[in-house]
Amino acid sequence: MMYKAYNENNVRVTVSDEQLNEAFRQHGEELPIEIVIAMGASHNKMFVPRLHEALFHRTQRIRIKAMQSLLSLNNIESVSILREKEKGFSEEDFNASISEKAILQSVIIRLEHGPSGAEEAFFKGEIHPIVKTNLLYNYSSHMVFTSEDVQFIINALEAYVHKSEAWMQKMKKDDYEDVIIKGLEALWSASEESNFFSMLNKKFYEKLVELGSQILKMKIDSYAKEVISIFAKALSPQYAYAMLEPIMNGRAKGDVRKELEKSLLILQEKEQE
């Protein structure tokens, strides 16, 4: 297998199974970030010991990718070491520009309690708002989606769009837009890796369509609208057209228009099947 990942210079590179196996044998040597990411993408629990080592890497970015890769492997046995590391951070870490304590808590919640537990924590849990936000950022990993994950993402995005939770109303504009984009990217990933959209019941299908339509009407980074245009092709034509209506008939510009046109071609082919 070959895996795509970004290296320390943010250049997208390809990592092979041979490279992963070689890195696995080099115990004690610090792993480069692309190897840490690819280990998670492999979904091979053989790499767990090396990812445990990477949790203590000198570079924060690599430590965080190690957390996410353990989540991608759905390795429940890692909870104890993750919890031990989380306890090493004081409450003040929540005020850091990137809070490792918050990321660790969100990963632990998803590993221990699954998507239903993540949703419970998001809406009812007495936890820091940054942890709640990171429950959506968890999907930036290579974790395997379930239909419950997709439902949670839809419900969480709906809450963000309407700012129905009090703590959302206090978010900075950039943070607010970024978490919406991360949720949309998660739906994009789900649409490419499975048929979860077709597995959604009518209630969630219609909620997704309404949600996408509302975001397309918002004043938000155009990339968010680009992502919606991309995953729209995974919907049935009837629902896709309803969701995309706010940017139809020449209202889309730039990259949004390019992705919209690509999706419309695929949707038209579906109609002819």
C-alpha atoms as a PDB file:
ATOM      1  CA  MET A   1       0.000   0.000   0.000  1.00  0.00           C
ATOM      2  CA  MET A   2       0.955   3.626  -0.541  1.00  0.00           C
ATOM      3  CA  TYR A   3      -0.131   6.457   1.741  1.00  0.00           C
ATOM      4  CA  LYS A   4      -0.286  10.205   1.123  1.00  0.00           C
ATOM      5  CA  ALA A   5       0.882  12.503   3.925  1.00  0.00           C
ATOM      6  CA  TYR A   6       2.381  15.956   4.446  1.00  0.00           C
ATOM      7  CA  ASN A   7       6.001  16.143   5.605  1.00  0.00           C
ATOM      8  CA  GLU A   8       7.578  18.722   7.916  1.00  0.00           C
ATOM      9  CA  ASN A   9       7.726  21.207   5.025  1.00  0.00           C
ATOM     10  CA  ASN A  10       4.009  20.761   4.260  1.00  0.00           C
ATOM     11  CA  VAL A  11       4.836  18.996   1.013  1.00  0.00           C
ATOM     12  CA  ARG A  12       2.586  16.071   0.138  1.00  0.00           C
ATOM     13  CA  VAL A  13       4.638  12.906  -0.133  1.00  0.00           C
ATOM     14  CA  THR A  14       4.017   9.194  -0.629  1.00  0.00           C
ATOM     15  CA  VAL A  15       4.908   6.658   2.069  1.00  0.00           C
ATOM     16  CA  SER A  16       5.147   2.946   1.330  1.00  0.00           C
ATOM     17  CA  ASP A  17       4.580  -0.096   3.536  1.00  0.00           C
ATOM     18  CA  GLU A  18       8.293  -0.805   3.205  1.00  0.00           C
ATOM     19  CA  GLN A  19       9.105   2.590   4.724  1.00  0.00           C
ATOM     20  CA  LEU A  20       6.674   1.960   7.570  1.00  0.00           C
ATOM     21  CA  ASN A  21       8.178  -1.441   8.300  1.00  0.00           C
ATOM     22  CA  GLU A  22      11.673   0.032   8.295  1.00  0.00           C
ATOM     23  CA  ALA A  23      10.601   2.779  10.700  1.00  0.00           C
ATOM     24  CA  PHE A  24       8.932   0.197  12.929  1.00  0.00           C
ATOM     25  CA  ARG A  25      12.239  -1.641  13.346  1.00  0.00           C
ATOM     26  CA  GLN A  26      14.132   1.520  14.316  1.00  0.00           C
ATOM     27  CA  HIS A  27      13.012   1.649  17.950  1.00  0.00           C
ATOM     28  CA  GLY A  28      14.227   4.685  19.856  1.00  0.00           C
ATOM     29  CA  GLU A  29      14.675   6.843  16.765  1.00  0.00           C
ATOM     30  CA  GLU A  30      12.315   9.786  16.346  1.00  0.00           C
ATOM     31  CA  LEU A  31       9.814   9.352  13.535  1.00  0.00           C
ATOM     32  CA  PRO A  32       9.233  11.998  10.845  1.00  0.00           C
ATOM     33  CA  ILE A  33       5.706  13.351  10.697  1.00  0.00           C
ATOM     34  CA  GLU A  34       4.781  11.690   7.404  1.00  0.00           C
ATOM     35  CA  ILE A  35       5.610   8.268   8.876  1.00  0.00           C
ATOM     36  CA  VAL A  36       3.483   8.961  11.963  1.00  0.00           C
ATOM     37  CA  ILE A  37       0.527   9.963   9.777  1.00  0.00           C
ATOM     38  CA  ALA A  38       0.943   6.981   7.446  1.00  0.00           C
ATOM     39  CA  MET A  39       1.053   4.565  10.380  1.00  0.00           C
ATOM     40  CA  GLY A  40      -2.418   5.734  11.327  1.00  0.00           C
ATOM     41  CA  ALA A  41      -3.624   5.572   7.720  1.00  0.00           C
ATOM     42  CA  SER A  42      -2.442   1.955   7.484  1.00  0.00           C
ATOM     43  CA  HIS A  43      -4.903   0.878  10.218  1.00  0.00           C
ATOM     44  CA  ASN A  44      -2.268  -1.654  11.262  1.00  0.00           C
ATOM     45  CA  LYS A  45      -2.023  -1.980  15.050  1.00  0.00           C
ATOM     46  CA  MET A  46       1.489  -3.352  14.722  1.00  0.00           C
ATOM     47  CA  PHE A  47       2.648   0.281  14.787  1.00  0.00           C
ATOM     48  CA  VAL A  48       1.077   1.124  18.158  1.00  0.00           C
ATOM     49  CA  PRO A  49       4.354   0.842  20.150  1.00  0.00           C
ATOM     50  CA  ARG A  50       6.113   3.297  17.828  1.00  0.00           C
ATOM     51  CA  LEU A  51       3.181   5.698  18.006  1.00  0.00           C
ATOM     52  CA  HIS A  52       3.336   5.522  21.800  1.00  0.00           C
ATOM     53  CA  GLU A  53       6.965   6.625  21.528  1.00  0.00           C
ATOM     54  CA  ALA A  54       5.940   9.465  19.190  1.00  0.00           C
ATOM     55  CA  LEU A  55       3.572  10.812  21.874  1.00  0.00           C
ATOM     56  CA  PHE A  56       6.720  12.122  23.574  1.00  0.00           C
ATOM     57  CA  HIS A  57       8.393  13.545  20.457  1.00  0.00           C
ATOM     58  CA  ARG A  58      10.130  16.909  20.937  1.00  0.00           C
ATOM     59  CA  THR A  59       7.919  18.451  18.219  1.00  0.00           C
ATOM     60  CA  GLN A  60       4.326  19.245  19.196  1.00  0.00           C
ATOM     61  CA  ARG A  61       2.959  18.755  15.703  1.00  0.00           C
ATOM     62  CA  ILE A  62       4.289  15.196  15.628  1.00  0.00           C
ATOM     63  CA  ARG A  63       2.947  14.462  19.116  1.00  0.00           C
ATOM     64  CA  ILE A  64      -0.504  15.542  17.967  1.00  0.00           C
ATOM     65  CA  LYS A  65      -0.329  13.417  14.815  1.00  0.00           C
ATOM     66  CA  ALA A  66       0.628  10.440  17.002  1.00  0.00           C
ATOM     67  CA  MET A  67      -2.535  10.996  19.075  1.00  0.00           C
ATOM     68  CA  GLN A  68      -4.626  11.143  15.913  1.00  0.00           C
ATOM     69  CA  SER A  69      -2.980   8.042  14.463  1.00  0.00           C
ATOM     70  CA  LEU A  70      -3.763   6.049  17.594  1.00  0.00           C
ATOM     71  CA  LEU A  71      -7.352   7.197  17.142  1.00  0.00           C
ATOM     72  CA  SER A  72      -7.209   6.088  13.502  1.00  0.00           C
ATOM     73  CA  LEU A  73      -6.143   2.643  14.698  1.00  0.00           C
ATOM     74  CA  ASN A  74      -9.038   2.649  17.190  1.00  0.00           C
ATOM     75  CA  ASN A  75      -6.606   1.280  19.742  1.00  0.00           C
ATOM     76  CA  ILE A  76      -8.551   1.282  23.004  1.00  0.00           C
ATOM     77  CA  GLU A  77      -5.497  -0.134  24.791  1.00  0.00           C
ATOM     78  CA  SER A  78      -3.791   3.240  24.269  1.00  0.00           C
ATOM     79  CA  VAL A  79      -6.257   5.047  26.546  1.00  0.00           C
ATOM     80  CA  SER A  80      -4.159   4.481  29.671  1.00  0.00           C
ATOM     81  CA  ILE A  81      -1.012   6.064  28.218  1.00  0.00           C
ATOM     82  CA  LEU A  82      -3.067   8.881  26.668  1.00  0.00           C
ATOM     83  CA  ARG A  83      -4.776   9.569  29.985  1.00  0.00           C
ATOM     84  CA  GLU A  84      -1.443   9.544  31.826  1.00  0.00           C
ATOM     85  CA  LYS A  85      -0.070  12.080  29.367  1.00  0.00           C
ATOM     86  CA  GLU A  86      -3.223  14.217  29.623  1.00  0.00           C
ATOM     87  CA  LYS A  87      -2.892  14.411  33.397  1.00  0.00           C
ATOM     88  CA  GLY A  88       0.595  15.843  32.916  1.00  0.00           C
ATOM     89  CA  PHE A  89      -0.897  19.080  31.579  1.00  0.00           C
ATOM     90  CA  SER A  90      -2.378  21.685  33.907  1.00  0.00           C
ATOM     91  CA  GLU A  91      -5.697  23.424  33.271  1.00  0.00           C
ATOM     92  CA  GLU A  92      -3.685  26.385  31.994  1.00  0.00           C
ATOM     93  CA  ASP A  93      -2.896  24.386  28.850  1.00  0.00           C
ATOM     94  CA  PHE A  94      -6.454  25.068  27.677  1.00  0.00           C
ATOM     95  CA  ASN A  95      -5.304  28.667  27.139  1.00  0.00           C
ATOM     96  CA  ALA A  96      -2.455  27.666  24.823  1.00  0.00           C
ATOM     97  CA  SER A  97      -2.758  28.445  21.098  1.00  0.00           C
ATOM     98  CA  ILE A  98      -2.855  24.672  20.554  1.00  0.00           C
ATOM     99  CA  SER A  99      -3.983  22.755  23.638  1.00  0.00           C
ATOM    100  CA  GLU A 100      -2.584  19.222  23.804  1.00  0.00           C
ATOM    101  CA  LYS A 101      -4.688  18.590  26.898  1.00  0.00           C
ATOM    102  CA  ALA A 102      -7.855  19.345  24.921  1.00  0.00           C
ATOM    103  CA  ILE A 103      -6.781  17.149  22.010  1.00  0.00           C
ATOM    104  CA  LEU A 104      -5.931  14.277  24.343  1.00  0.00           C
ATOM    105  CA  GLN A 105      -9.288  14.532  26.108  1.00  0.00           C
ATOM    106  CA  SER A 106     -11.189  14.512  22.812  1.00  0.00           C
ATOM    107  CA  VAL A 107      -9.254  11.486  21.530  1.00  0.00           C
ATOM    108  CA  ILE A 108      -9.837   9.608  24.794  1.00  0.00           C
ATOM    109  CA  ILE A 109     -13.585  10.348  24.663  1.00  0.00           C
ATOM    110  CA  ARG A 110     -13.894   8.994  21.112  1.00  0.00           C
ATOM    111  CA  LEU A 111     -11.770   5.905  21.828  1.00  0.00           C
ATOM    112  CA  GLU A 112     -13.583   5.008  25.038  1.00  0.00           C
ATOM    113  CA  HIS A 113     -17.152   5.913  24.167  1.00  0.00           C
ATOM    114  CA  GLY A 114     -17.408   5.903  20.374  1.00  0.00           C
ATOM    115  CA  PRO A 115     -19.410   8.399  18.290  1.00  0.00           C
ATOM    116  CA  SER A 116     -22.462   8.303  20.563  1.00  0.00           C
ATOM    117  CA  GLY A 117     -20.234   9.160  23.537  1.00  0.00           C
ATOM    118  CA  ALA A 118     -18.615  11.955  21.547  1.00  0.00           C
ATOM    119  CA  GLU A 119     -22.027  13.409  20.726  1.00  0.00           C
ATOM    120  CA  GLU A 120     -23.124  13.137  24.365  1.00  0.00           C
ATOM    121  CA  ALA A 121     -19.959  14.966  25.471  1.00  0.00           C
ATOM    122  CA  PHE A 122     -20.392  17.619  22.764  1.00  0.00           C
ATOM    123  CA  PHE A 123     -23.942  18.565  23.680  1.00  0.00           C
ATOM    124  CA  LYS A 124     -24.260  17.642  27.354  1.00  0.00           C
ATOM    125  CA  GLY A 125     -20.788  17.075  28.723  1.00  0.00           C
ATOM    126  CA  GLU A 126     -19.434  19.435  31.368  1.00  0.00           C
ATOM    127  CA  ILE A 127     -16.099  19.771  29.603  1.00  0.00           C
ATOM    128  CA  HIS A 128     -14.101  22.675  28.217  1.00  0.00           C
ATOM    129  CA  PRO A 129     -15.466  24.113  24.933  1.00  0.00           C
ATOM    130  CA  ILE A 130     -12.073  23.548  23.297  1.00  0.00           C
ATOM    131  CA  VAL A 131     -12.444  19.816  23.974  1.00  0.00           C
ATOM    132  CA  LYS A 132     -15.886  19.902  22.368  1.00  0.00           C
ATOM    133  CA  THR A 133     -14.453  21.621  19.309  1.00  0.00           C
ATOM    134  CA  ASN A 134     -11.700  19.025  19.098  1.00  0.00           C
ATOM    135  CA  LEU A 135     -14.292  16.253  18.971  1.00  0.00           C
ATOM    136  CA  LEU A 136     -14.866  17.460  15.391  1.00  0.00           C
ATOM    137  CA  TYR A 137     -11.159  17.952  14.724  1.00  0.00           C
ATOM    138  CA  ASN A 138     -10.742  14.247  15.526  1.00  0.00           C
ATOM    139  CA  TYR A 139     -12.027  13.574  12.040  1.00  0.00           C
ATOM    140  CA  SER A 140      -8.886  15.135  10.567  1.00  0.00           C
ATOM    141  CA  SER A 141      -7.299  11.768  11.308  1.00  0.00           C
ATOM    142  CA  HIS A 142      -7.657   8.603   9.230  1.00  0.00           C
ATOM    143  CA  MET A 143     -10.215   7.066  11.547  1.00  0.00           C
ATOM    144  CA  VAL A 144     -12.771   4.686  10.076  1.00  0.00           C
ATOM    145  CA  PHE A 145     -16.194   6.317   9.911  1.00  0.00           C
ATOM    146  CA  THR A 146     -19.418   4.747  11.090  1.00  0.00           C
ATOM    147  CA  SER A 147     -22.910   5.958  10.233  1.00  0.00           C
ATOM    148  CA  GLU A 148     -23.113   7.279  13.824  1.00  0.00           C
ATOM    149  CA  ASP A 149     -20.033   9.429  13.180  1.00  0.00           C
ATOM    150  CA  VAL A 150     -21.715  10.996  10.153  1.00  0.00           C
ATOM    151  CA  GLN A 151     -24.848  11.690  12.184  1.00  0.00           C
ATOM    152  CA  PHE A 152     -22.805  13.311  14.947  1.00  0.00           C
ATOM    153  CA  ILE A 153     -20.955  15.509  12.452  1.00  0.00           C
ATOM    154  CA  ILE A 154     -24.248  16.654  10.914  1.00  0.00           C
ATOM    155  CA  ASN A 155     -25.763  17.420  14.330  1.00  0.00           C
ATOM    156  CA  ALA A 156     -22.640  19.272  15.488  1.00  0.00           C
ATOM    157  CA  LEU A 157     -22.435  21.332  12.288  1.00  0.00           C
ATOM    158  CA  GLU A 158     -26.101  22.218  12.604  1.00  0.00           C
ATOM    159  CA  ALA A 159     -25.403  23.500  16.114  1.00  0.00           C
ATOM    160  CA  TYR A 160     -22.441  25.580  14.895  1.00  0.00           C
ATOM    161  CA  VAL A 161     -24.431  27.102  12.035  1.00  0.00           C
ATOM    162  CA  HIS A 162     -27.193  28.193  14.412  1.00  0.00           C
ATOM    163  CA  LYS A 163     -24.814  28.826  17.330  1.00  0.00           C
ATOM    164  CA  SER A 164     -27.316  26.960  19.455  1.00  0.00           C
ATOM    165  CA  GLU A 165     -24.810  26.257  22.233  1.00  0.00           C
ATOM    166  CA  ALA A 166     -23.932  29.272  24.397  1.00  0.00           C
ATOM    167  CA  TRP A 167     -20.176  28.667  24.180  1.00  0.00           C
ATOM    168  CA  MET A 168     -20.293  28.848  20.369  1.00  0.00           C
ATOM    169  CA  GLN A 169     -21.426  32.458  20.526  1.00  0.00           C
ATOM    170  CA  LYS A 170     -18.121  33.383  22.159  1.00  0.00           C
ATOM    171  CA  MET A 171     -15.912  31.859  19.440  1.00  0.00           C
ATOM    172  CA  LYS A 172     -13.595  34.014  17.360  1.00  0.00           C
ATOM    173  CA  LYS A 173     -14.673  34.309  13.720  1.00  0.00           C
ATOM    174  CA  ASP A 174     -11.627  32.433  12.357  1.00  0.00           C
ATOM    175  CA  ASP A 175     -12.026  29.597  14.862  1.00  0.00           C
ATOM    176  CA  TYR A 176     -15.740  29.393  14.143  1.00  0.00           C
ATOM    177  CA  GLU A 177     -15.256  29.144  10.389  1.00  0.00           C
ATOM    178  CA  ASP A 178     -12.368  26.708  10.723  1.00  0.00           C
ATOM    179  CA  VAL A 179     -14.327  24.155  12.754  1.00  0.00           C
ATOM    180  CA  ILE A 180     -17.210  24.310  10.267  1.00  0.00           C
ATOM    181  CA  ILE A 181     -14.728  23.628   7.478  1.00  0.00           C
ATOM    182  CA  LYS A 182     -13.236  20.691   9.401  1.00  0.00           C
ATOM    183  CA  GLY A 183     -16.712  19.223   9.816  1.00  0.00           C
ATOM    184  CA  LEU A 184     -17.422  19.650   6.107  1.00  0.00           C
ATOM    185  CA  GLU A 185     -14.102  18.032   5.222  1.00  0.00           C
ATOM    186  CA  ALA A 186     -15.089  15.096   7.432  1.00  0.00           C
ATOM    187  CA  LEU A 187     -18.322  14.699   5.454  1.00  0.00           C
ATOM    188  CA  TRP A 188     -16.281  14.886   2.261  1.00  0.00           C
ATOM    189  CA  SER A 189     -14.052  12.055   3.532  1.00  0.00           C
ATOM    190  CA  ALA A 190     -17.082   9.997   4.509  1.00  0.00           C
ATOM    191  CA  SER A 191     -18.600  10.485   1.060  1.00  0.00           C
ATOM    192  CA  GLU A 192     -15.439   9.212  -0.644  1.00  0.00           C
ATOM    193  CA  GLU A 193     -14.656   6.271   1.586  1.00  0.00           C
ATOM    194  CA  SER A 194     -18.077   4.692   1.970  1.00  0.00           C
ATOM    195  CA  ASN A 195     -21.748   4.793   1.086  1.00  0.00           C
ATOM    196  CA  PHE A 196     -22.714   6.350   4.413  1.00  0.00           C
ATOM    197  CA  PHE A 197     -24.774   9.072   2.748  1.00  0.00           C
ATOM    198  CA  SER A 198     -27.000   6.437   1.163  1.00  0.00           C
ATOM    199  CA  MET A 199     -27.237   4.687   4.551  1.00  0.00           C
ATOM    200  CA  LEU A 200     -28.575   7.793   6.314  1.00  0.00           C
ATOM    201  CA  ASN A 201     -32.240   7.735   7.176  1.00  0.00           C
ATOM    202  CA  LYS A 202     -34.527  10.340   5.631  1.00  0.00           C
ATOM    203  CA  LYS A 203     -34.309  12.608   8.691  1.00  0.00           C
ATOM    204  CA  PHE A 204     -30.518  12.960   8.513  1.00  0.00           C
ATOM    205  CA  TYR A 205     -30.477  13.070   4.729  1.00  0.00           C
ATOM    206  CA  GLU A 206     -32.827  16.047   4.749  1.00  0.00           C
ATOM    207  CA  LYS A 207     -30.923  17.638   7.629  1.00  0.00           C
ATOM    208  CA  LEU A 208     -27.679  17.353   5.641  1.00  0.00           C
ATOM    209  CA  VAL A 209     -29.276  18.980   2.598  1.00  0.00           C
ATOM    210  CA  GLU A 210     -30.689  21.853   4.657  1.00  0.00           C
ATOM    211  CA  LEU A 211     -27.378  22.293   6.456  1.00  0.00           C
ATOM    212  CA  GLY A 212     -25.387  22.441   3.223  1.00  0.00           C
ATOM    213  CA  SER A 213     -27.833  24.924   1.735  1.00  0.00           C
ATOM    214  CA  GLN A 214     -27.593  27.177   4.797  1.00  0.00           C
ATOM    215  CA  ILE A 215     -23.789  27.202   4.724  1.00  0.00           C
ATOM    216  CA  LEU A 216     -23.820  28.045   1.011  1.00  0.00           C
ATOM    217  CA  LYS A 217     -25.840  31.154   1.916  1.00  0.00           C
ATOM    218  CA  MET A 218     -23.456  32.208   4.691  1.00  0.00           C
ATOM    219  CA  LYS A 219     -20.657  34.730   4.507  1.00  0.00           C
ATOM    220  CA  ILE A 220     -17.890  32.212   5.044  1.00  0.00           C
ATOM    221  CA  ASP A 221     -14.556  31.251   3.488  1.00  0.00           C
ATOM    222  CA  SER A 222     -15.283  30.116  -0.069  1.00  0.00           C
ATOM    223  CA  TYR A 223     -13.404  26.872   0.579  1.00  0.00           C
ATOM    224  CA  ALA A 224     -16.336  25.737   2.743  1.00  0.00           C
ATOM    225  CA  LYS A 225     -18.616  26.142  -0.266  1.00  0.00           C
ATOM    226  CA  GLU A 226     -16.088  24.378  -2.457  1.00  0.00           C
ATOM    227  CA  VAL A 227     -16.141  21.330  -0.167  1.00  0.00           C
ATOM    228  CA  ILE A 228     -19.957  21.198  -0.224  1.00  0.00           C
ATOM    229  CA  SER A 229     -19.854  21.367  -4.019  1.00  0.00           C
ATOM    230  CA  ILE A 230     -17.492  18.395  -4.033  1.00  0.00           C
ATOM    231  CA  PHE A 231     -19.381  16.020  -1.765  1.00  0.00           C
ATOM    232  CA  ALA A 232     -22.761  16.950  -3.284  1.00  0.00           C
ATOM    233  CA  LYS A 233     -22.112  14.429  -6.039  1.00  0.00           C
ATOM    234  CA  ALA A 234     -22.432  11.635  -3.465  1.00  0.00           C
ATOM    235  CA  LEU A 235     -26.076  12.551  -2.872  1.00  0.00           C
ATOM    236  CA  SER A 236     -29.019  11.546  -5.005  1.00  0.00           C
ATOM    237  CA  PRO A 237     -29.609  14.165  -7.743  1.00  0.00           C
ATOM    238  CA  GLN A 238     -32.888  15.372  -6.234  1.00  0.00           C
ATOM    239  CA  TYR A 239     -31.327  16.157  -2.866  1.00  0.00           C
ATOM    240  CA  ALA A 240     -28.061  17.429  -4.336  1.00  0.00           C
ATOM    241  CA  TYR A 241     -29.797  19.998  -6.526  1.00  0.00           C
ATOM    242  CA  ALA A 242     -31.851  21.226  -3.570  1.00  0.00           C
ATOM    243  CA  MET A 243     -28.714  21.670  -1.480  1.00  0.00           C
ATOM    244  CA  LEU A 244     -26.761  23.391  -4.249  1.00  0.00           C
ATOM    245  CA  GLU A 245     -29.567  25.775  -5.256  1.00  0.00           C
ATOM    246  CA  PRO A 246     -27.966  28.847  -3.549  1.00  0.00           C
ATOM    247  CA  ILE A 247     -24.971  28.668  -5.918  1.00  0.00           C
ATOM    248  CA  MET A 248     -26.725  27.479  -9.077  1.00  0.00           C
ATOM    249  CA  ASN A 249     -27.535  29.544 -12.173  1.00  0.00           C
ATOM    250  CA  GLY A 250     -24.226  31.366 -12.399  1.00  0.00           C
ATOM    251  CA  ARG A 251     -24.000  32.395  -8.745  1.00  0.00           C
ATOM    252  CA  ALA A 252     -20.856  30.332  -8.054  1.00  0.00           C
ATOM    253  CA  LYS A 253     -17.445  31.846  -8.739  1.00  0.00           C
ATOM    254  CA  GLY A 254     -13.834  30.669  -9.014  1.00  0.00           C
ATOM    255  CA  ASP A 255     -12.943  27.262  -7.549  1.00  0.00           C
ATOM    256  CA  VAL A 256     -16.469  26.835  -6.190  1.00  0.00           C
ATOM    257  CA  ARG A 257     -17.809  27.064  -9.727  1.00  0.00           C
ATOM    258  CA  LYS A 258     -15.229  24.558 -11.006  1.00  0.00           C
ATOM    259  CA  GLU A 259     -16.156  21.965  -8.389  1.00  0.00           C
ATOM    260  CA  LEU A 260     -19.863  22.643  -8.873  1.00  0.00           C
ATOM    261  CA  GLU A 261     -19.598  22.009 -12.607  1.00  0.00           C
ATOM    262  CA  LYS A 262     -17.746  18.722 -11.996  1.00  0.00           C
ATOM    263  CA  SER A 263     -20.395  17.532  -9.565  1.00  0.00           C
ATOM    264  CA  LEU A 264     -23.264  18.568 -11.840  1.00  0.00           C
ATOM    265  CA  LEU A 265     -21.837  16.393 -14.629  1.00  0.00           C
ATOM    266  CA  ILE A 266     -21.746  13.377 -12.302  1.00  0.00           C
ATOM    267  CA  LEU A 267     -25.265  14.080 -11.037  1.00  0.00           C
ATOM    268  CA  GLN A 268     -26.544  14.325 -14.610  1.00  0.00           C
ATOM    269  CA  GLU A 269     -24.970  10.938 -15.362  1.00  0.00           C
ATOM    270  CA  LYS A 270     -26.750   9.492 -12.319  1.00  0.00           C
ATOM    271  CA  GLU A 271     -30.069  10.746 -13.656  1.00  0.00           C
ATOM    272  CA  GLN A 272     -29.497   8.883 -16.922  1.00  0.00           C
ATOM    273  CA  GLU A 273     -28.731   5.560 -15.242  1.00  0.00           C
END
